[in-house]
Amino acid sequence: MNSPGFRMEPAGREDTGSTMLRVLSTHLFLNQRLHPGLLELAARSSAQGVELFAARQHFDYTSRDHVGELASWFASNPLAPVSMHGPLFPDREMGRAGAPAVNLLHPEKSRRIDAMDEIKRALEAAERIPIQNLVLHLGERDDKWSQRTIEYAITALEHLGAFAHPLGVRLLVENLLSEATTPQRLLTIIDMGHLNNVRVCLDLGHAHVAPGVSEAIEILGGRIGAVHVHDNNGTNDEHLWPGEGTVDWPAAAKALSELATPPVAVLEVATLKGDPPSDLLTRIEDAFARLG
């Protein structure tokens, strides 16, 4: 079992030392069922690990067969299942058919309980797949900042942390584009709840929209456990490849390099749209190169 915060170096890779571990989010393949062939493709890239995106149409964490299939692959391959992104919807259509979002900050208690239950279903995959980190969204874009928001967030993180700890999984909360999930307010939630084992997944694309990438890194500092790497034009959350938007990547790389402990770098770009595997591998390598 992994211990929370322990960074496993994938077998067959050199120790990255003071550099960031390179991880590919399977969000890239979100429109496909996640299967060993896609993991093989990730393994041929410059990535040293993957972040499993928990969406049932892609990675069905409720299916023992699907979880077992992926667990068997990871057991015999060097690519590490470094993290899992928590589910955003409980269905196979990402809410397009009307299923409610997984929202830990929803005003209705029943909705908050449903959200925690769905995340726990996903976490159960860690019994067979040795993920180290779980990336969580706190609420949705329209959620406001209030004393109740703080209480709901702390309750959810305490509850999920207690569930995750025996599985060796650490919680990472992600900065979103809501009033309640700015970098500064995530720190407030963590500090007020004395959630010492919770870290932040700094989404660089979200930070580029607000408050700015360098500013977010300065605010969060050593609380950053991972970064989501993608680009946009400063207004919309487009999940472009690094270099396709207006993020200042040299400045971002410099700011991240000055952190005492290098975070995990997770490339989280938009879903695959027919790129040939050879071109895709080159794009992944170029994306990681922008972070040095």
C-alpha atoms as a PDB file:
ATOM      1  CA  MET A   1       0.000   0.000   0.000  1.00  0.00           C
ATOM      2  CA  ASN A   2       1.276   3.474  -0.809  1.00  0.00           C
ATOM      3  CA  SER A   3       1.535   5.970   2.024  1.00  0.00           C
ATOM      4  CA  PRO A   4      -0.019   9.394   1.493  1.00  0.00           C
ATOM      5  CA  GLY A   5       2.484  11.795  -0.012  1.00  0.00           C
ATOM      6  CA  PHE A   6       4.925   9.054  -1.042  1.00  0.00           C
ATOM      7  CA  ARG A   7       6.088   9.577  -4.608  1.00  0.00           C
ATOM      8  CA  MET A   8       6.704   6.293  -6.360  1.00  0.00           C
ATOM      9  CA  GLU A   9       9.311   6.320  -9.114  1.00  0.00           C
ATOM     10  CA  PRO A  10       8.176   4.102 -11.973  1.00  0.00           C
ATOM     11  CA  ALA A  11      10.310   1.023 -12.463  1.00  0.00           C
ATOM     12  CA  GLY A  12      12.767   1.314 -15.319  1.00  0.00           C
ATOM     13  CA  ARG A  13      12.922   5.132 -15.145  1.00  0.00           C
ATOM     14  CA  GLU A  14      15.741   7.251 -13.844  1.00  0.00           C
ATOM     15  CA  ASP A  15      15.166   9.136 -10.608  1.00  0.00           C
ATOM     16  CA  THR A  16      13.906  12.559 -11.575  1.00  0.00           C
ATOM     17  CA  GLY A  17      15.711  14.173  -8.644  1.00  0.00           C
ATOM     18  CA  SER A  18      14.603  17.768  -8.344  1.00  0.00           C
ATOM     19  CA  THR A  19      12.549  17.758 -11.550  1.00  0.00           C
ATOM     20  CA  MET A  20       8.810  17.351 -11.856  1.00  0.00           C
ATOM     21  CA  LEU A  21       7.408  13.882 -12.441  1.00  0.00           C
ATOM     22  CA  ARG A  22       5.767  13.860 -15.890  1.00  0.00           C
ATOM     23  CA  VAL A  23       2.221  12.481 -15.858  1.00  0.00           C
ATOM     24  CA  LEU A  24      -0.313  12.183 -18.678  1.00  0.00           C
ATOM     25  CA  SER A  25      -4.008  12.551 -17.851  1.00  0.00           C
ATOM     26  CA  THR A  26      -6.223  10.058 -19.632  1.00  0.00           C
ATOM     27  CA  HIS A  27      -8.560  13.026 -20.183  1.00  0.00           C
ATOM     28  CA  LEU A  28      -6.845  12.995 -23.573  1.00  0.00           C
ATOM     29  CA  PHE A  29      -8.787   9.811 -24.373  1.00  0.00           C
ATOM     30  CA  LEU A  30     -12.038  10.770 -22.634  1.00  0.00           C
ATOM     31  CA  ASN A  31     -14.190   9.929 -25.660  1.00  0.00           C
ATOM     32  CA  GLN A  32     -12.922   6.311 -25.613  1.00  0.00           C
ATOM     33  CA  ARG A  33     -13.092   3.416 -23.176  1.00  0.00           C
ATOM     34  CA  LEU A  34      -9.764   3.321 -21.352  1.00  0.00           C
ATOM     35  CA  HIS A  35      -8.009   0.086 -22.315  1.00  0.00           C
ATOM     36  CA  PRO A  36      -4.446  -1.287 -22.167  1.00  0.00           C
ATOM     37  CA  GLY A  37      -3.740  -0.140 -25.724  1.00  0.00           C
ATOM     38  CA  LEU A  38      -4.181   3.489 -24.693  1.00  0.00           C
ATOM     39  CA  LEU A  39      -1.980   2.935 -21.645  1.00  0.00           C
ATOM     40  CA  GLU A  40       0.634   1.414 -23.962  1.00  0.00           C
ATOM     41  CA  LEU A  41       0.488   4.593 -26.034  1.00  0.00           C
ATOM     42  CA  ALA A  42       1.001   6.689 -22.892  1.00  0.00           C
ATOM     43  CA  ALA A  43       3.928   4.454 -21.901  1.00  0.00           C
ATOM     44  CA  ARG A  44       5.635   5.130 -25.257  1.00  0.00           C
ATOM     45  CA  SER A  45       5.489   8.855 -24.613  1.00  0.00           C
ATOM     46  CA  SER A  46       7.801  10.837 -22.354  1.00  0.00           C
ATOM     47  CA  ALA A  47       5.285  10.465 -19.496  1.00  0.00           C
ATOM     48  CA  GLN A  48       6.401   8.631 -16.371  1.00  0.00           C
ATOM     49  CA  GLY A  49       2.902   8.086 -15.043  1.00  0.00           C
ATOM     50  CA  VAL A  50      -0.779   8.615 -15.723  1.00  0.00           C
ATOM     51  CA  GLU A  51      -3.710  10.315 -14.059  1.00  0.00           C
ATOM     52  CA  LEU A  52      -6.841   8.228 -14.524  1.00  0.00           C
ATOM     53  CA  PHE A  53      -9.865  10.371 -15.336  1.00  0.00           C
ATOM     54  CA  ALA A  54     -12.821   8.858 -13.476  1.00  0.00           C
ATOM     55  CA  ALA A  55     -15.674   9.166 -15.950  1.00  0.00           C
ATOM     56  CA  ARG A  56     -17.763   6.010 -16.290  1.00  0.00           C
ATOM     57  CA  GLN A  57     -17.878   6.011 -20.093  1.00  0.00           C
ATOM     58  CA  HIS A  58     -14.068   6.185 -20.074  1.00  0.00           C
ATOM     59  CA  PHE A  59     -12.853   4.568 -16.859  1.00  0.00           C
ATOM     60  CA  ASP A  60     -15.731   2.675 -15.257  1.00  0.00           C
ATOM     61  CA  TYR A  61     -14.578   2.571 -11.663  1.00  0.00           C
ATOM     62  CA  THR A  62     -17.793   0.731 -10.723  1.00  0.00           C
ATOM     63  CA  SER A  63     -16.890  -2.258 -12.933  1.00  0.00           C
ATOM     64  CA  ARG A  64     -14.761  -4.926 -11.265  1.00  0.00           C
ATOM     65  CA  ASP A  65     -13.789  -6.224 -14.693  1.00  0.00           C
ATOM     66  CA  HIS A  66     -12.634  -2.836 -15.958  1.00  0.00           C
ATOM     67  CA  VAL A  67     -10.745  -2.022 -12.762  1.00  0.00           C
ATOM     68  CA  GLY A  68      -9.174  -5.493 -12.825  1.00  0.00           C
ATOM     69  CA  GLU A  69      -8.128  -5.120 -16.457  1.00  0.00           C
ATOM     70  CA  LEU A  70      -6.277  -1.889 -15.721  1.00  0.00           C
ATOM     71  CA  ALA A  71      -4.849  -3.184 -12.442  1.00  0.00           C
ATOM     72  CA  SER A  72      -3.342  -6.170 -14.258  1.00  0.00           C
ATOM     73  CA  TRP A  73      -1.741  -3.903 -16.832  1.00  0.00           C
ATOM     74  CA  PHE A  74      -0.192  -1.616 -14.226  1.00  0.00           C
ATOM     75  CA  ALA A  75       1.100  -4.628 -12.262  1.00  0.00           C
ATOM     76  CA  SER A  76       3.227  -5.724 -15.223  1.00  0.00           C
ATOM     77  CA  ASN A  77       4.260  -2.378 -16.722  1.00  0.00           C
ATOM     78  CA  PRO A  78       6.516   0.464 -15.552  1.00  0.00           C
ATOM     79  CA  LEU A  79       4.035   3.309 -16.070  1.00  0.00           C
ATOM     80  CA  ALA A  80       2.741   4.423 -12.662  1.00  0.00           C
ATOM     81  CA  PRO A  81      -0.916   5.195 -11.831  1.00  0.00           C
ATOM     82  CA  VAL A  82       0.151   8.352 -10.023  1.00  0.00           C
ATOM     83  CA  SER A  83      -3.281   9.891  -9.539  1.00  0.00           C
ATOM     84  CA  MET A  84      -6.965   9.769 -10.311  1.00  0.00           C
ATOM     85  CA  HIS A  85      -9.234  12.688 -11.110  1.00  0.00           C
ATOM     86  CA  GLY A  86     -12.452  12.374  -9.147  1.00  0.00           C
ATOM     87  CA  PRO A  87     -15.747  11.939 -11.026  1.00  0.00           C
ATOM     88  CA  LEU A  88     -17.615  15.045 -12.173  1.00  0.00           C
ATOM     89  CA  PHE A  89     -20.859  13.231 -13.051  1.00  0.00           C
ATOM     90  CA  PRO A  90     -22.325   9.886 -11.933  1.00  0.00           C
ATOM     91  CA  ASP A  91     -23.455   8.791 -15.424  1.00  0.00           C
ATOM     92  CA  ARG A  92     -21.859   7.777 -18.726  1.00  0.00           C
ATOM     93  CA  GLU A  93     -22.763  10.959 -20.587  1.00  0.00           C
ATOM     94  CA  MET A  94     -21.050  13.658 -18.490  1.00  0.00           C
ATOM     95  CA  GLY A  95     -24.451  15.018 -17.468  1.00  0.00           C
ATOM     96  CA  ARG A  96     -25.727  15.589 -20.996  1.00  0.00           C
ATOM     97  CA  ALA A  97     -28.820  13.460 -20.298  1.00  0.00           C
ATOM     98  CA  GLY A  98     -29.649  15.448 -17.174  1.00  0.00           C
ATOM     99  CA  ALA A  99     -27.712  13.665 -14.427  1.00  0.00           C
ATOM    100  CA  PRO A 100     -26.752  16.101 -11.649  1.00  0.00           C
ATOM    101  CA  ALA A 101     -23.113  17.030 -11.228  1.00  0.00           C
ATOM    102  CA  VAL A 102     -21.020  15.630  -8.405  1.00  0.00           C
ATOM    103  CA  ASN A 103     -21.051  18.719  -6.178  1.00  0.00           C
ATOM    104  CA  LEU A 104     -19.567  18.613  -2.684  1.00  0.00           C
ATOM    105  CA  LEU A 105     -20.748  22.168  -1.988  1.00  0.00           C
ATOM    106  CA  HIS A 106     -24.358  21.854  -3.102  1.00  0.00           C
ATOM    107  CA  PRO A 107     -26.893  23.599  -0.784  1.00  0.00           C
ATOM    108  CA  GLU A 108     -28.937  20.396  -0.522  1.00  0.00           C
ATOM    109  CA  LYS A 109     -27.504  17.906   1.969  1.00  0.00           C
ATOM    110  CA  SER A 110     -28.728  14.918  -0.053  1.00  0.00           C
ATOM    111  CA  ARG A 111     -26.794  16.151  -3.089  1.00  0.00           C
ATOM    112  CA  ARG A 112     -23.625  16.563  -1.031  1.00  0.00           C
ATOM    113  CA  ILE A 113     -24.017  13.029   0.347  1.00  0.00           C
ATOM    114  CA  ASP A 114     -24.596  11.653  -3.161  1.00  0.00           C
ATOM    115  CA  ALA A 115     -21.439  13.425  -4.319  1.00  0.00           C
ATOM    116  CA  MET A 116     -19.337  11.931  -1.522  1.00  0.00           C
ATOM    117  CA  ASP A 117     -20.747   8.480  -2.212  1.00  0.00           C
ATOM    118  CA  GLU A 118     -19.844   8.728  -5.908  1.00  0.00           C
ATOM    119  CA  ILE A 119     -16.301   9.822  -5.108  1.00  0.00           C
ATOM    120  CA  LYS A 120     -15.942   6.946  -2.648  1.00  0.00           C
ATOM    121  CA  ARG A 121     -17.037   4.528  -5.379  1.00  0.00           C
ATOM    122  CA  ALA A 122     -14.189   5.839  -7.501  1.00  0.00           C
ATOM    123  CA  LEU A 123     -11.740   5.668  -4.588  1.00  0.00           C
ATOM    124  CA  GLU A 124     -12.484   1.970  -4.133  1.00  0.00           C
ATOM    125  CA  ALA A 125     -10.489   1.379  -7.322  1.00  0.00           C
ATOM    126  CA  ALA A 126      -7.394   2.154  -5.218  1.00  0.00           C
ATOM    127  CA  GLU A 127      -7.836  -1.233  -3.539  1.00  0.00           C
ATOM    128  CA  ARG A 128      -6.514  -2.757  -6.791  1.00  0.00           C
ATOM    129  CA  ILE A 129      -4.823   0.130  -8.627  1.00  0.00           C
ATOM    130  CA  PRO A 130      -2.128   1.779  -6.451  1.00  0.00           C
ATOM    131  CA  ILE A 131      -3.001   5.414  -7.106  1.00  0.00           C
ATOM    132  CA  GLN A 132      -1.301   7.914  -4.814  1.00  0.00           C
ATOM    133  CA  ASN A 133      -3.393  11.052  -5.211  1.00  0.00           C
ATOM    134  CA  LEU A 134      -7.054  11.893  -5.784  1.00  0.00           C
ATOM    135  CA  VAL A 135      -7.784  15.249  -7.458  1.00  0.00           C
ATOM    136  CA  LEU A 136     -11.054  16.749  -6.269  1.00  0.00           C
ATOM    137  CA  HIS A 137     -13.327  19.501  -7.560  1.00  0.00           C
ATOM    138  CA  LEU A 138     -15.071  21.405  -4.791  1.00  0.00           C
ATOM    139  CA  GLY A 139     -18.385  22.363  -6.327  1.00  0.00           C
ATOM    140  CA  GLU A 140     -19.201  23.974  -9.655  1.00  0.00           C
ATOM    141  CA  ARG A 141     -18.510  27.243 -11.396  1.00  0.00           C
ATOM    142  CA  ASP A 142     -21.493  29.126  -9.924  1.00  0.00           C
ATOM    143  CA  ASP A 143     -20.813  28.213  -6.292  1.00  0.00           C
ATOM    144  CA  LYS A 144     -20.402  31.243  -4.037  1.00  0.00           C
ATOM    145  CA  TRP A 145     -18.062  31.875  -1.130  1.00  0.00           C
ATOM    146  CA  SER A 146     -19.716  31.843   2.291  1.00  0.00           C
ATOM    147  CA  GLN A 147     -19.384  30.422   5.780  1.00  0.00           C
ATOM    148  CA  ARG A 148     -21.567  27.519   4.680  1.00  0.00           C
ATOM    149  CA  THR A 149     -19.268  26.873   1.734  1.00  0.00           C
ATOM    150  CA  ILE A 150     -16.346  26.585   4.121  1.00  0.00           C
ATOM    151  CA  GLU A 151     -18.270  24.203   6.392  1.00  0.00           C
ATOM    152  CA  TYR A 152     -19.407  21.997   3.506  1.00  0.00           C
ATOM    153  CA  ALA A 153     -15.892  21.849   2.049  1.00  0.00           C
ATOM    154  CA  ILE A 154     -14.249  20.974   5.372  1.00  0.00           C
ATOM    155  CA  THR A 155     -16.849  18.285   6.108  1.00  0.00           C
ATOM    156  CA  ALA A 156     -16.369  16.711   2.676  1.00  0.00           C
ATOM    157  CA  LEU A 157     -12.577  16.745   2.874  1.00  0.00           C
ATOM    158  CA  GLU A 158     -12.582  15.291   6.393  1.00  0.00           C
ATOM    159  CA  HIS A 159     -14.963  12.524   5.362  1.00  0.00           C
ATOM    160  CA  LEU A 160     -13.195  11.673   2.115  1.00  0.00           C
ATOM    161  CA  GLY A 161      -9.777  11.953   3.737  1.00  0.00           C
ATOM    162  CA  ALA A 162     -10.773   9.380   6.352  1.00  0.00           C
ATOM    163  CA  PHE A 163     -11.933   7.073   3.564  1.00  0.00           C
ATOM    164  CA  ALA A 164      -8.826   7.639   1.416  1.00  0.00           C
ATOM    165  CA  HIS A 165      -6.169   7.327   4.112  1.00  0.00           C
ATOM    166  CA  PRO A 166      -6.324   3.515   4.611  1.00  0.00           C
ATOM    167  CA  LEU A 167      -6.063   3.167   0.828  1.00  0.00           C
ATOM    168  CA  GLY A 168      -2.832   5.155   0.791  1.00  0.00           C
ATOM    169  CA  VAL A 169      -4.384   8.005  -1.164  1.00  0.00           C
ATOM    170  CA  ARG A 170      -3.772  11.711  -0.556  1.00  0.00           C
ATOM    171  CA  LEU A 171      -6.389  14.340  -1.457  1.00  0.00           C
ATOM    172  CA  LEU A 172      -5.545  17.228  -3.778  1.00  0.00           C
ATOM    173  CA  VAL A 173      -8.122  20.010  -4.164  1.00  0.00           C
ATOM    174  CA  GLU A 174      -8.140  21.830  -7.494  1.00  0.00           C
ATOM    175  CA  ASN A 175      -8.536  25.548  -8.076  1.00  0.00           C
ATOM    176  CA  LEU A 176     -11.537  26.070 -10.344  1.00  0.00           C
ATOM    177  CA  LEU A 177     -13.197  29.126 -11.851  1.00  0.00           C
ATOM    178  CA  SER A 178     -15.682  29.646  -9.034  1.00  0.00           C
ATOM    179  CA  GLU A 179     -15.785  32.239  -6.284  1.00  0.00           C
ATOM    180  CA  ALA A 180     -15.303  29.459  -3.730  1.00  0.00           C
ATOM    181  CA  THR A 181     -12.210  27.812  -5.215  1.00  0.00           C
ATOM    182  CA  THR A 182      -9.637  30.520  -5.807  1.00  0.00           C
ATOM    183  CA  PRO A 183      -6.125  29.614  -4.634  1.00  0.00           C
ATOM    184  CA  GLN A 184      -6.433  31.875  -1.593  1.00  0.00           C
ATOM    185  CA  ARG A 185      -9.797  30.441  -0.590  1.00  0.00           C
ATOM    186  CA  LEU A 186      -8.604  26.864  -0.951  1.00  0.00           C
ATOM    187  CA  LEU A 187      -5.865  27.739   1.534  1.00  0.00           C
ATOM    188  CA  THR A 188      -8.489  29.204   3.864  1.00  0.00           C
ATOM    189  CA  ILE A 189     -10.486  25.968   3.737  1.00  0.00           C
ATOM    190  CA  ILE A 190      -7.408  23.828   4.377  1.00  0.00           C
ATOM    191  CA  ASP A 191      -6.153  26.017   7.222  1.00  0.00           C
ATOM    192  CA  MET A 192      -9.527  26.471   8.945  1.00  0.00           C
ATOM    193  CA  GLY A 193     -10.139  22.719   8.788  1.00  0.00           C
ATOM    194  CA  HIS A 194      -6.588  21.891   9.961  1.00  0.00           C
ATOM    195  CA  LEU A 195      -6.437  19.576   6.954  1.00  0.00           C
ATOM    196  CA  ASN A 196      -2.698  19.090   7.118  1.00  0.00           C
ATOM    197  CA  ASN A 197      -2.634  16.112   4.755  1.00  0.00           C
ATOM    198  CA  VAL A 198      -4.562  17.889   1.984  1.00  0.00           C
ATOM    199  CA  ARG A 199      -2.605  19.567  -0.798  1.00  0.00           C
ATOM    200  CA  VAL A 200      -3.597  21.556  -3.868  1.00  0.00           C
ATOM    201  CA  CYS A 201      -3.619  20.561  -7.518  1.00  0.00           C
ATOM    202  CA  LEU A 202      -2.860  23.901  -9.155  1.00  0.00           C
ATOM    203  CA  ASP A 203      -4.627  23.979 -12.499  1.00  0.00           C
ATOM    204  CA  LEU A 204      -2.457  26.307 -14.569  1.00  0.00           C
ATOM    205  CA  GLY A 205      -5.171  26.873 -17.184  1.00  0.00           C
ATOM    206  CA  HIS A 206      -7.698  27.894 -14.537  1.00  0.00           C
ATOM    207  CA  ALA A 207      -5.093  30.095 -12.848  1.00  0.00           C
ATOM    208  CA  HIS A 208      -4.347  31.794 -16.181  1.00  0.00           C
ATOM    209  CA  VAL A 209      -7.985  32.961 -16.285  1.00  0.00           C
ATOM    210  CA  ALA A 210      -7.733  34.188 -12.668  1.00  0.00           C
ATOM    211  CA  PRO A 211      -5.737  35.258 -10.695  1.00  0.00           C
ATOM    212  CA  GLY A 212      -2.736  34.620 -12.978  1.00  0.00           C
ATOM    213  CA  VAL A 213      -0.301  31.698 -13.057  1.00  0.00           C
ATOM    214  CA  SER A 214       2.630  33.349 -11.280  1.00  0.00           C
ATOM    215  CA  GLU A 215       0.307  34.864  -8.678  1.00  0.00           C
ATOM    216  CA  ALA A 216      -1.313  31.480  -7.973  1.00  0.00           C
ATOM    217  CA  ILE A 217       2.062  29.771  -7.559  1.00  0.00           C
ATOM    218  CA  GLU A 218       3.167  32.513  -5.156  1.00  0.00           C
ATOM    219  CA  ILE A 219      -0.039  32.185  -3.102  1.00  0.00           C
ATOM    220  CA  LEU A 220       0.018  28.391  -2.842  1.00  0.00           C
ATOM    221  CA  GLY A 221       3.752  27.800  -2.597  1.00  0.00           C
ATOM    222  CA  GLY A 222       4.593  24.563  -0.830  1.00  0.00           C
ATOM    223  CA  ARG A 223       0.937  23.491  -0.690  1.00  0.00           C
ATOM    224  CA  ILE A 224       1.135  22.557  -4.381  1.00  0.00           C
ATOM    225  CA  GLY A 225       1.250  18.782  -4.777  1.00  0.00           C
ATOM    226  CA  ALA A 226       0.535  18.670  -8.505  1.00  0.00           C
ATOM    227  CA  VAL A 227      -0.118  20.981 -11.428  1.00  0.00           C
ATOM    228  CA  HIS A 228      -2.548  20.467 -14.291  1.00  0.00           C
ATOM    229  CA  VAL A 229      -0.826  21.594 -17.453  1.00  0.00           C
ATOM    230  CA  HIS A 230      -2.861  23.060 -20.314  1.00  0.00           C
ATOM    231  CA  ASP A 231      -3.298  26.372 -22.110  1.00  0.00           C
ATOM    232  CA  ASN A 232      -6.012  28.876 -23.030  1.00  0.00           C
ATOM    233  CA  ASN A 233      -6.393  32.455 -24.185  1.00  0.00           C
ATOM    234  CA  GLY A 234      -7.033  33.883 -20.740  1.00  0.00           C
ATOM    235  CA  THR A 235     -10.827  33.911 -20.835  1.00  0.00           C
ATOM    236  CA  ASN A 236     -12.192  30.371 -21.376  1.00  0.00           C
ATOM    237  CA  ASP A 237     -11.152  26.980 -19.988  1.00  0.00           C
ATOM    238  CA  GLU A 238     -10.165  25.469 -23.346  1.00  0.00           C
ATOM    239  CA  HIS A 239      -7.605  22.807 -22.312  1.00  0.00           C
ATOM    240  CA  LEU A 240      -5.367  23.615 -25.264  1.00  0.00           C
ATOM    241  CA  TRP A 241      -1.926  22.128 -25.731  1.00  0.00           C
ATOM    242  CA  PRO A 242       0.789  24.269 -24.102  1.00  0.00           C
ATOM    243  CA  GLY A 243       1.838  26.908 -26.614  1.00  0.00           C
ATOM    244  CA  GLU A 244      -1.563  27.137 -28.306  1.00  0.00           C
ATOM    245  CA  GLY A 245      -2.793  29.824 -25.891  1.00  0.00           C
ATOM    246  CA  THR A 246      -1.299  32.748 -24.016  1.00  0.00           C
ATOM    247  CA  VAL A 247       0.158  31.204 -20.843  1.00  0.00           C
ATOM    248  CA  ASP A 248       3.700  32.458 -20.279  1.00  0.00           C
ATOM    249  CA  TRP A 249       5.335  29.038 -20.034  1.00  0.00           C
ATOM    250  CA  PRO A 250       8.925  30.212 -19.360  1.00  0.00           C
ATOM    251  CA  ALA A 251       7.637  32.283 -16.409  1.00  0.00           C
ATOM    252  CA  ALA A 252       5.495  29.393 -15.169  1.00  0.00           C
ATOM    253  CA  ALA A 253       8.410  26.957 -15.433  1.00  0.00           C
ATOM    254  CA  LYS A 254      10.683  29.344 -13.522  1.00  0.00           C
ATOM    255  CA  ALA A 255       8.151  29.876 -10.731  1.00  0.00           C
ATOM    256  CA  LEU A 256       7.532  26.146 -10.366  1.00  0.00           C
ATOM    257  CA  SER A 257      11.262  25.386 -10.377  1.00  0.00           C
ATOM    258  CA  GLU A 258      11.705  27.645  -7.346  1.00  0.00           C
ATOM    259  CA  LEU A 259       9.372  25.547  -5.181  1.00  0.00           C
ATOM    260  CA  ALA A 260      11.178  23.572  -2.489  1.00  0.00           C
ATOM    261  CA  THR A 261       9.491  20.317  -3.545  1.00  0.00           C
ATOM    262  CA  PRO A 262       8.779  19.821  -7.255  1.00  0.00           C
ATOM    263  CA  PRO A 263       5.083  19.065  -7.868  1.00  0.00           C
ATOM    264  CA  VAL A 264       3.819  16.360 -10.207  1.00  0.00           C
ATOM    265  CA  ALA A 265       3.175  17.813 -13.681  1.00  0.00           C
ATOM    266  CA  VAL A 266      -0.036  16.396 -15.189  1.00  0.00           C
ATOM    267  CA  LEU A 267      -0.702  17.160 -18.856  1.00  0.00           C
ATOM    268  CA  GLU A 268      -4.490  17.566 -19.065  1.00  0.00           C
ATOM    269  CA  VAL A 269      -5.385  18.597 -22.607  1.00  0.00           C
ATOM    270  CA  ALA A 270      -8.638  18.304 -24.559  1.00  0.00           C
ATOM    271  CA  THR A 271      -9.785  14.932 -25.856  1.00  0.00           C
ATOM    272  CA  LEU A 272      -8.030  13.302 -28.777  1.00  0.00           C
ATOM    273  CA  LYS A 273      -9.276  14.313 -32.198  1.00  0.00           C
ATOM    274  CA  GLY A 274      -7.562  11.872 -34.528  1.00  0.00           C
ATOM    275  CA  ASP A 275      -3.885  12.753 -34.133  1.00  0.00           C
ATOM    276  CA  PRO A 276      -1.671   9.907 -35.456  1.00  0.00           C
ATOM    277  CA  PRO A 277       0.176   8.185 -32.587  1.00  0.00           C
ATOM    278  CA  SER A 278       3.574   9.391 -33.838  1.00  0.00           C
ATOM    279  CA  ASP A 279       2.399  13.019 -33.878  1.00  0.00           C
ATOM    280  CA  LEU A 280       0.737  12.597 -30.498  1.00  0.00           C
ATOM    281  CA  LEU A 281       3.929  11.327 -28.870  1.00  0.00           C
ATOM    282  CA  THR A 282       5.811  14.338 -30.209  1.00  0.00           C
ATOM    283  CA  ARG A 283       3.167  16.747 -28.924  1.00  0.00           C
ATOM    284  CA  ILE A 284       3.282  15.175 -25.454  1.00  0.00           C
ATOM    285  CA  GLU A 285       7.070  15.455 -25.358  1.00  0.00           C
ATOM    286  CA  ASP A 286       6.983  19.075 -26.525  1.00  0.00           C
ATOM    287  CA  ALA A 287       4.336  19.925 -23.899  1.00  0.00           C
ATOM    288  CA  PHE A 288       6.432  18.587 -21.032  1.00  0.00           C
ATOM    289  CA  ALA A 289       9.531  20.312 -22.430  1.00  0.00           C
ATOM    290  CA  ARG A 290       7.855  23.682 -21.862  1.00  0.00           C
ATOM    291  CA  LEU A 291       8.124  23.028 -18.121  1.00  0.00           C
ATOM    292  CA  GLY A 292      11.821  22.227 -18.388  1.00  0.00           C
END
